[in-house]
């Protein structure tokens, strides 16, 4: 039975409003919410995308993040001094033979620039950050791997379920993450899709550092990544007094605890059976690279 146009239009308006509130919803969520079939949801999403109200993704849709969130290029030129300070702190945590993850964002890109200027070799870098990957691909001794996922061109990032599944194939010594806000409660970011990938990375990381410049202090964002126990350390140019006033734990900016992870033996592949036995780990635990790459 054909549904009246005004009914379809009203449903699509409500669907768009729902996406604006939640920023990201999967196909199954939308089917349940509106009591319609997957095929109908997909037609509605196609219509909304043509109207430039959303960006469709594999298995769902994004609102705002790709269309209204400032582009990588526009964010690249702001707060450069603070980003360089943070990048220097992050670079100091790098050790040869580490497997690291570089998140999206311009502060993470500043870290990539620091690695290019003063390479740590050998280093394996996995990233969803296309400009960082392109920059580091030319550095001898730095092996660069891109996660799978949907390309959001304005943000120069790969996201979505495929990116999360791709991250699950790795073991990271150290993950460097970005975000949009930090408060007493913890860390906030721009989109559920961004946070989903970050959580997938954190699940596969021995240690992690969140890189946030002083403009992020006291700010929230649409999606909560987690409390301060979610990450190992905070790298920031914010004064310690300002952090304390906001209620952010002092220990987050003390790097001794994350340095102990950095100085520990890398998760690189170990082929010597005796070394594996002495380390007390199983063969699977010793692997950093996805098995299909070995």
Protein backbone atom coordinates (compact mmCIF):
# COMPACT_ATOMS: atom_id res chain seq x y z
CA UNK A 1 0.00 0.00 0.00
CA UNK A 2 1.38 3.38 -0.98
CA UNK A 3 1.96 5.75 1.93
CA UNK A 4 0.78 9.34 1.53
CA UNK A 5 3.51 11.84 0.75
CA UNK A 6 2.78 14.00 3.77
CA UNK A 7 3.20 10.94 6.04
CA UNK A 8 6.55 10.10 4.45
CA UNK A 9 7.72 13.71 4.69
CA UNK A 10 6.73 13.92 8.36
CA UNK A 11 8.57 10.68 9.14
CA UNK A 12 11.69 11.89 7.38
CA UNK A 13 11.61 15.15 9.31
CA UNK A 14 11.38 13.23 12.58
CA UNK A 15 14.16 10.91 11.45
CA UNK A 16 16.38 13.90 10.66
CA UNK A 17 15.60 15.48 14.03
CA UNK A 18 16.45 12.22 15.79
CA UNK A 19 19.79 12.06 14.02
CA UNK A 20 20.51 15.66 14.96
CA UNK A 21 20.03 14.76 18.64
CA UNK A 22 21.96 11.48 18.61
CA UNK A 23 24.52 12.38 15.91
CA UNK A 24 24.74 8.71 14.81
CA UNK A 25 22.17 5.90 14.60
CA UNK A 26 22.36 2.49 12.99
CA UNK A 27 19.84 1.05 10.54
CA UNK A 28 18.47 -1.38 13.14
CA UNK A 29 17.93 1.46 15.63
CA UNK A 30 15.97 3.46 13.06
CA UNK A 31 13.85 0.48 12.04
CA UNK A 32 12.89 -0.12 15.67
CA UNK A 33 12.24 3.55 16.40
CA UNK A 34 9.89 4.10 13.44
CA UNK A 35 8.48 0.60 12.99
CA UNK A 36 9.52 0.44 9.35
CA UNK A 37 11.57 -1.91 7.22
CA UNK A 38 15.28 -1.64 6.49
CA UNK A 39 14.51 -0.85 2.85
CA UNK A 40 12.26 2.04 3.90
CA UNK A 41 14.91 3.41 6.26
CA UNK A 42 17.48 3.32 3.49
CA UNK A 43 15.17 5.23 1.14
CA UNK A 44 14.57 7.84 3.84
CA UNK A 45 18.31 8.20 4.43
CA UNK A 46 18.97 8.59 0.71
CA UNK A 47 16.40 11.39 0.61
CA UNK A 48 17.90 13.14 3.65
CA UNK A 49 21.41 12.86 2.23
CA UNK A 50 20.27 14.42 -1.05
CA UNK A 51 18.93 17.30 1.02
CA UNK A 52 22.42 17.64 2.61
CA UNK A 53 21.03 16.98 6.10
CA UNK A 54 23.03 13.85 6.90
CA UNK A 55 25.92 11.70 5.72
CA UNK A 56 25.10 8.05 5.22
CA UNK A 57 27.55 5.46 6.53
CA UNK A 58 27.83 1.71 6.21
CA UNK A 59 25.05 0.52 8.52
CA UNK A 60 23.74 3.92 9.63
CA UNK A 61 23.96 7.69 9.28
CA UNK A 62 25.88 10.60 10.72
CA UNK A 63 24.41 14.02 11.36
CA UNK A 64 26.43 17.22 11.90
CA UNK A 65 29.90 15.69 12.31
CA UNK A 66 30.82 15.46 8.65
CA UNK A 67 28.69 18.36 7.44
CA UNK A 68 29.01 20.98 10.16
CA UNK A 69 31.96 20.02 12.31
CA UNK A 70 34.89 22.22 11.25
CA UNK A 71 37.00 20.64 8.55
CA UNK A 72 40.52 19.37 9.14
CA UNK A 73 41.92 22.22 7.07
CA UNK A 74 40.10 24.92 9.03
CA UNK A 75 41.20 23.44 12.38
CA UNK A 76 44.77 22.98 11.19
CA UNK A 77 45.69 26.65 11.62
CA UNK A 78 44.30 27.23 15.12
CA UNK A 79 46.21 26.86 18.39
CA UNK A 80 49.39 25.74 16.67
CA UNK A 81 51.74 26.66 19.55
CA UNK A 82 49.81 24.60 22.09
CA UNK A 83 49.60 21.66 19.70
CA UNK A 84 53.34 21.73 19.18
CA UNK A 85 53.94 21.68 22.96
CA UNK A 86 51.67 18.65 23.27
CA UNK A 87 53.27 16.94 20.29
CA UNK A 88 56.70 17.33 21.92
CA UNK A 89 55.42 15.66 25.11
CA UNK A 90 53.92 12.81 23.08
CA UNK A 91 57.07 12.36 21.01
CA UNK A 92 59.02 11.89 24.23
CA UNK A 93 57.01 8.74 24.96
CA UNK A 94 58.02 7.01 21.74
CA UNK A 95 60.51 4.15 21.73
CA UNK A 96 61.97 2.06 18.88
CA UNK A 97 59.96 -1.02 17.88
CA UNK A 98 56.69 0.27 19.31
CA UNK A 99 53.35 -0.24 17.60
CA UNK A 100 51.37 2.98 18.03
CA UNK A 101 47.95 4.27 17.04
CA UNK A 102 47.42 7.83 15.85
CA UNK A 103 43.86 9.12 16.12
CA UNK A 104 42.23 11.70 13.88
CA UNK A 105 42.62 15.42 14.47
CA UNK A 106 45.09 18.26 14.13
CA UNK A 107 46.89 17.81 17.46
CA UNK A 108 47.63 14.21 16.46
CA UNK A 109 48.81 15.54 13.10
CA UNK A 110 51.24 17.79 14.98
CA UNK A 111 52.64 14.61 16.59
CA UNK A 112 53.06 13.10 13.13
CA UNK A 113 55.02 16.20 12.12
CA UNK A 114 57.24 15.78 15.18
CA UNK A 115 57.91 12.14 14.24
CA UNK A 116 58.81 13.20 10.71
CA UNK A 117 61.21 15.85 12.04
CA UNK A 118 62.86 13.49 14.54
CA UNK A 119 62.04 9.89 13.55
CA UNK A 120 61.97 7.06 16.10
CA UNK A 121 63.06 3.93 14.26
CA UNK A 122 61.78 1.34 13.73
CA UNK A 123 58.19 2.32 14.43
CA UNK A 124 54.88 0.86 13.33
CA UNK A 125 52.11 3.44 13.04
CA UNK A 126 48.45 2.51 12.57
CA UNK A 127 46.01 5.34 11.95
CA UNK A 128 42.64 6.54 10.70
CA UNK A 129 44.14 9.99 10.13
CA UNK A 130 44.79 10.35 6.39
CA UNK A 131 47.01 13.46 6.52
CA UNK A 132 49.16 11.84 9.23
CA UNK A 133 49.46 8.64 7.21
CA UNK A 134 50.49 10.56 4.10
CA UNK A 135 53.07 12.56 6.07
CA UNK A 136 54.68 9.55 7.75
CA UNK A 137 54.65 7.27 4.71
CA UNK A 138 57.78 9.04 3.46
CA UNK A 139 59.77 8.53 6.68
CA UNK A 140 62.32 5.73 6.51
CA UNK A 141 61.92 3.21 9.31
CA UNK A 142 58.28 4.13 9.99
CA UNK A 143 55.80 1.55 8.71
CA UNK A 144 52.35 3.06 8.20
CA UNK A 145 49.07 1.13 8.15
CA UNK A 146 45.61 2.58 7.54
CA UNK A 147 42.50 1.15 9.16
CA UNK A 148 39.60 0.28 6.93
CA UNK A 149 36.42 2.33 7.12
CA UNK A 150 34.35 5.01 5.43
CA UNK A 151 36.22 8.11 4.33
CA UNK A 152 34.81 11.39 5.62
CA UNK A 153 36.54 13.77 3.25
CA UNK A 154 36.11 17.05 5.15
CA UNK A 155 37.51 15.48 8.32
CA UNK A 156 40.18 13.43 6.51
CA UNK A 157 39.35 10.43 8.67
CA UNK A 158 38.19 6.83 8.29
CA UNK A 159 35.25 5.82 10.51
CA UNK A 160 32.47 3.30 10.89
CA UNK A 161 31.99 -0.35 11.81
CA UNK A 162 34.68 -1.48 9.39
CA UNK A 163 37.24 0.79 11.07
CA UNK A 164 36.34 -0.72 14.47
CA UNK A 165 36.71 -4.25 13.11
CA UNK A 166 40.03 -3.29 11.52
CA UNK A 167 41.36 -1.94 14.83
CA UNK A 168 40.52 -5.25 16.53
CA UNK A 169 43.25 -6.96 14.47
CA UNK A 170 45.99 -4.97 16.17
CA UNK A 171 47.78 -4.78 19.53
CA UNK A 172 49.05 -1.30 20.34
CA UNK A 173 51.85 -0.40 22.72
CA UNK A 174 50.58 3.16 22.89
CA UNK A 175 47.50 4.90 21.50
CA UNK A 176 47.42 8.67 21.01
CA UNK A 177 43.85 10.00 20.99
CA UNK A 178 42.18 13.36 20.51
CA UNK A 179 38.87 14.74 21.80
CA UNK A 180 36.72 17.86 21.90
CA UNK A 181 36.39 18.47 25.61
CA UNK A 182 37.64 17.63 29.10
CA UNK A 183 35.80 18.18 32.37
CA UNK A 184 35.80 16.83 35.91
CA UNK A 185 33.71 13.90 34.63
CA UNK A 186 36.13 12.89 31.89
CA UNK A 187 36.62 13.18 28.13
CA UNK A 188 34.06 14.19 25.50
CA UNK A 189 34.05 13.88 21.73
CA UNK A 190 32.12 14.99 18.70
CA UNK A 191 30.34 11.86 17.50
CA UNK A 192 29.35 8.33 18.58
CA UNK A 193 31.14 6.99 15.50
CA UNK A 194 34.39 8.67 16.60
CA UNK A 195 34.02 7.38 20.16
CA UNK A 196 33.19 3.86 18.96
CA UNK A 197 36.50 3.68 17.10
CA UNK A 198 38.41 5.13 20.05
CA UNK A 199 36.94 2.51 22.37
CA UNK A 200 37.87 -0.24 19.92
CA UNK A 201 41.44 1.08 19.91
CA UNK A 202 41.58 1.39 23.71
CA UNK A 203 40.50 -2.25 24.02
CA UNK A 204 43.65 -3.21 22.09
CA UNK A 205 46.12 -0.82 23.76
CA UNK A 206 48.56 -1.34 26.60
CA UNK A 207 48.62 2.38 27.32
CA UNK A 208 46.96 5.50 25.96
CA UNK A 209 47.40 9.26 26.01
CA UNK A 210 44.70 11.82 25.31
CA UNK A 211 46.11 14.96 23.62
CA UNK A 212 44.06 18.06 24.44
CA UNK A 213 45.01 21.71 24.18
CA UNK A 214 43.87 24.33 26.68
CA UNK A 215 40.86 25.36 24.57
CA UNK A 216 39.24 21.99 25.38
CA UNK A 217 39.31 22.56 29.15
CA UNK A 218 35.86 22.82 30.71
CA UNK A 219 34.13 21.96 27.45
CA UNK A 220 31.75 19.10 26.75
CA UNK A 221 30.72 17.61 23.41
CA UNK A 222 27.82 15.47 22.19
CA UNK A 223 29.37 12.10 23.12
CA UNK A 224 31.08 11.01 26.35
CA UNK A 225 34.19 8.88 25.80
CA UNK A 226 34.67 8.02 29.47
CA UNK A 227 36.02 9.01 32.86
CA UNK A 228 39.65 9.67 33.60
CA UNK A 229 40.27 5.98 34.20
CA UNK A 230 39.56 5.41 30.49
CA UNK A 231 43.02 6.63 29.41
CA UNK A 232 46.48 6.35 30.94
CA UNK A 233 47.60 9.96 30.71
CA UNK A 234 46.63 13.48 29.67
CA UNK A 235 49.03 15.48 27.50
CA UNK A 236 48.06 19.16 27.50
CA UNK A 237 49.34 22.72 27.50
CA UNK A 238 46.73 23.70 30.11
CA UNK A 239 48.29 25.02 33.34
CA UNK A 240 48.19 22.60 36.24
CA UNK A 241 46.27 25.12 38.32
CA UNK A 242 43.53 25.37 35.71
CA UNK A 243 43.25 21.59 35.53
CA UNK A 244 42.96 21.35 39.31
CA UNK A 245 40.31 24.06 39.37
CA UNK A 246 38.29 22.11 36.82
CA UNK A 247 38.64 18.99 38.98
CA UNK A 248 40.83 16.94 36.65
CA UNK A 249 43.03 14.53 38.68
CA UNK A 250 46.64 15.69 39.10
CA UNK A 251 48.01 12.22 38.39
CA UNK A 252 46.73 12.38 34.79
CA UNK A 253 49.51 14.78 33.77
CA UNK A 254 52.28 12.92 35.61
CA UNK A 255 53.99 10.90 32.91
CA UNK A 256 55.91 8.42 35.06
CA UNK A 257 53.15 5.82 34.91
CA UNK A 258 52.80 5.97 31.12
CA UNK A 259 56.58 6.06 30.67
CA UNK A 260 56.75 2.68 32.40
CA UNK A 261 54.59 1.28 29.61
CA UNK A 262 56.70 2.99 26.96
CA UNK A 263 59.92 1.59 28.39
CA UNK A 264 58.56 -1.96 28.62
CA UNK A 265 59.40 -4.48 25.88
CA UNK A 266 57.43 -3.86 22.72
CA UNK A 267 54.60 -6.09 21.53
CA UNK A 268 56.50 -6.80 18.31
CA UNK A 269 56.44 -10.35 16.96
CA UNK A 270 58.89 -12.58 18.84
CA UNK A 271 60.14 -15.57 16.92
CA UNK A 272 62.57 -16.98 19.45
CA UNK A 273 60.76 -19.67 21.47
CA UNK A 274 63.07 -19.27 24.47
CA UNK A 275 62.38 -15.52 24.62
CA UNK A 276 58.66 -16.19 24.53
CA UNK A 277 58.93 -18.71 27.34
CA UNK A 278 60.92 -16.30 29.50
CA UNK A 279 58.41 -13.52 28.84
CA UNK A 280 55.67 -15.83 30.05
CA UNK A 281 53.33 -15.03 27.19
CA UNK A 282 51.47 -17.16 24.68
CA UNK A 283 52.27 -16.96 21.00
CA UNK A 284 49.10 -14.98 20.30
CA UNK A 285 49.90 -12.50 23.05
CA UNK A 286 53.23 -11.73 21.38
CA UNK A 287 51.70 -10.59 18.11
CA UNK A 288 51.21 -6.95 17.26
CA UNK A 289 50.69 -7.22 13.53
CA UNK A 290 47.50 -8.75 12.17
CA UNK A 291 48.23 -12.38 11.28
CA UNK A 292 47.39 -11.81 7.61
CA UNK A 293 50.35 -9.38 7.45
CA UNK A 294 52.89 -11.79 8.93
